[in-house]
Amino acid sequence: MGNQSVNIEWTSGMAFKADVNGFNIIIDADERVGGKNQGPPPKPLLLVSLGGCTGMDVISILKKMRIEPAYFNVLVEGELTEEHPKYFSRIHLIYEFKGDNLPMEQLQKAISLSQDRYCGVSATLRNTVEITSEIRILS
């Protein structure tokens, strides 16, 4: 895809309108820091990017393996540092699956392929943030 760019335009207060490939996302801060809570703050969107990137990889890889879970969810937990600048020192991914006879070995393989080879967001973060993961099979 080559280079990518987004446009983030200040609207008022602490709010910005981000234009991402023609889609608008409002980002804002909560009232405690001068915002009006009109949209998510920036840091959790980093977690969304990671979860979406690896989630798309995993479901694509599983489909190629002819495995289609009845339910798939990625829960992303980020641990922020105490001091400024507050940043994610650790991110934990929880891959949740539901379905009959889900082969754990293939689920693990799909996740490993995503984390080690395909997910560009993981690759971007890998050198600065500890990223761990687990699989949960839900009933």
Protein backbone atom coordinates (compact mmCIF):
# COMPACT_ATOMS: atom_id res chain seq x y z
CA MET A 1 0.00 0.00 0.00
CA GLY A 2 3.00 2.30 0.17
CA ASN A 3 2.95 5.32 2.42
CA GLN A 4 -0.17 6.18 4.36
CA SER A 5 -1.29 9.39 5.98
CA VAL A 6 -4.21 10.64 8.02
CA ASN A 7 -5.44 14.16 8.66
CA ILE A 8 -6.28 15.24 12.20
CA GLU A 9 -8.08 18.59 12.33
CA TRP A 10 -8.71 20.44 15.58
CA THR A 11 -12.41 21.21 15.97
CA SER A 12 -12.69 22.82 19.45
CA GLY A 13 -11.53 22.36 23.02
CA MET A 14 -9.48 19.15 23.01
CA ALA A 15 -11.46 17.52 20.17
CA PHE A 16 -10.06 16.60 16.77
CA LYS A 17 -11.65 15.09 13.68
CA ALA A 18 -9.46 12.43 12.14
CA ASP A 19 -9.96 11.62 8.47
CA VAL A 20 -8.82 8.03 7.95
CA ASN A 21 -9.25 6.82 4.37
CA GLY A 22 -12.45 8.88 4.07
CA PHE A 23 -13.86 7.76 7.44
CA ASN A 24 -14.20 10.35 10.20
CA ILE A 25 -13.27 9.55 13.76
CA ILE A 26 -13.73 12.12 16.53
CA ILE A 27 -11.09 11.93 19.24
CA ASP A 28 -11.35 13.91 22.46
CA ALA A 29 -10.24 14.01 26.07
CA ASP A 30 -12.50 13.61 29.05
CA GLU A 31 -13.68 16.51 31.20
CA ARG A 32 -10.91 16.07 33.80
CA VAL A 33 -8.34 17.32 31.29
CA GLY A 34 -10.39 19.92 29.44
CA GLY A 35 -12.22 17.81 26.89
CA LYS A 36 -15.90 17.14 26.38
CA ASN A 37 -15.65 13.36 25.99
CA GLN A 38 -17.05 13.49 22.43
CA GLY A 39 -14.99 10.51 21.29
CA PRO A 40 -12.30 8.10 22.41
CA PRO A 41 -8.90 9.42 23.52
CA PRO A 42 -5.87 8.56 21.37
CA LYS A 43 -4.14 5.88 23.47
CA PRO A 44 -6.95 3.28 23.43
CA LEU A 45 -7.11 3.66 19.65
CA LEU A 46 -3.59 2.22 19.55
CA LEU A 47 -5.03 -0.87 21.26
CA VAL A 48 -7.88 -0.91 18.71
CA SER A 49 -5.33 -0.82 15.89
CA LEU A 50 -3.38 -3.73 17.34
CA GLY A 51 -6.48 -5.82 18.09
CA GLY A 52 -8.02 -5.15 14.68
CA CYS A 53 -4.79 -5.91 12.83
CA THR A 54 -4.12 -9.22 14.54
CA GLY A 55 -7.83 -10.15 14.60
CA MET A 56 -8.11 -9.74 10.82
CA ASP A 57 -4.95 -11.81 10.36
CA VAL A 58 -6.13 -14.62 12.61
CA ILE A 59 -9.57 -14.94 11.05
CA SER A 60 -8.05 -14.85 7.54
CA ILE A 61 -5.48 -17.53 8.40
CA LEU A 62 -8.12 -19.72 10.08
CA LYS A 63 -10.37 -19.47 7.01
CA LYS A 64 -7.48 -20.69 4.85
CA MET A 65 -7.17 -23.62 7.29
CA ARG A 66 -10.92 -24.20 6.80
CA ILE A 67 -11.59 -23.37 10.44
CA GLU A 68 -14.42 -20.96 11.15
CA PRO A 69 -15.18 -20.31 14.81
CA ALA A 70 -18.76 -19.56 15.82
CA TYR A 71 -17.42 -16.56 17.76
CA PHE A 72 -14.10 -14.73 17.77
CA ASN A 73 -13.11 -11.73 19.86
CA VAL A 74 -9.83 -10.04 20.70
CA LEU A 75 -9.61 -8.39 24.11
CA VAL A 76 -6.64 -6.01 24.33
CA GLU A 77 -5.34 -4.91 27.74
CA GLY A 78 -2.75 -2.16 27.89
CA GLU A 79 -0.69 -1.38 30.98
CA LEU A 80 0.22 2.31 31.23
CA THR A 81 3.24 3.67 33.05
CA GLU A 82 2.65 5.89 36.10
CA GLU A 83 4.89 8.80 35.07
CA HIS A 84 4.59 11.18 32.13
CA PRO A 85 4.79 10.57 29.31
CA LYS A 86 2.35 7.77 30.11
CA TYR A 87 2.79 5.01 27.58
CA PHE A 88 1.96 1.34 27.22
CA SER A 89 4.76 -0.69 28.80
CA ARG A 90 2.92 -3.97 28.28
CA ILE A 91 0.03 -5.10 26.10
CA HIS A 92 -1.77 -8.39 26.61
CA LEU A 93 -3.95 -9.90 23.89
CA ILE A 94 -6.68 -12.35 24.81
CA TYR A 95 -8.01 -14.27 21.82
CA GLU A 96 -11.48 -15.59 22.66
CA PHE A 97 -13.09 -18.34 20.60
CA LYS A 98 -16.34 -20.30 20.65
CA GLY A 99 -17.11 -23.28 18.50
CA ASP A 100 -17.20 -27.04 18.30
CA ASN A 101 -13.95 -29.01 18.04
CA LEU A 102 -11.66 -25.99 17.66
CA PRO A 103 -8.12 -27.34 17.10
CA MET A 104 -5.91 -25.56 19.65
CA GLU A 105 -2.74 -26.22 17.64
CA GLN A 106 -4.13 -24.40 14.58
CA LEU A 107 -5.46 -21.53 16.70
CA GLN A 108 -1.99 -21.09 18.22
CA LYS A 109 -0.38 -21.29 14.78
CA ALA A 110 -2.69 -18.61 13.35
CA ILE A 111 -1.94 -16.30 16.28
CA SER A 112 1.81 -16.88 16.01
CA LEU A 113 1.76 -16.19 12.28
CA SER A 114 -0.12 -12.96 12.90
CA GLN A 115 2.17 -11.79 15.68
CA ASP A 116 5.47 -12.85 14.12
CA ARG A 117 4.91 -12.37 10.40
CA TYR A 118 1.79 -10.51 9.27
CA CYS A 119 0.52 -7.89 11.74
CA GLY A 120 2.22 -4.62 10.90
CA VAL A 121 0.94 -2.95 14.06
CA SER A 122 2.54 -5.69 16.18
CA ALA A 123 5.77 -5.30 14.22
CA THR A 124 5.70 -1.54 14.80
CA LEU A 125 5.18 -1.92 18.56
CA ARG A 126 7.26 -5.06 19.19
CA ASN A 127 10.58 -3.29 19.86
CA THR A 128 9.16 -0.87 22.43
CA VAL A 129 6.30 -2.73 24.14
CA GLU A 130 6.11 -6.20 25.66
CA ILE A 131 3.25 -7.98 23.86
CA THR A 132 1.89 -11.18 25.37
CA SER A 133 -1.12 -13.29 24.46
CA GLU A 134 -3.38 -16.11 25.53
CA ILE A 135 -6.23 -18.14 24.07
CA ARG A 136 -9.55 -18.61 25.80
CA ILE A 137 -12.11 -21.11 24.58
CA LEU A 138 -15.53 -19.92 25.73
CA SER A 139 -18.51 -22.22 26.16
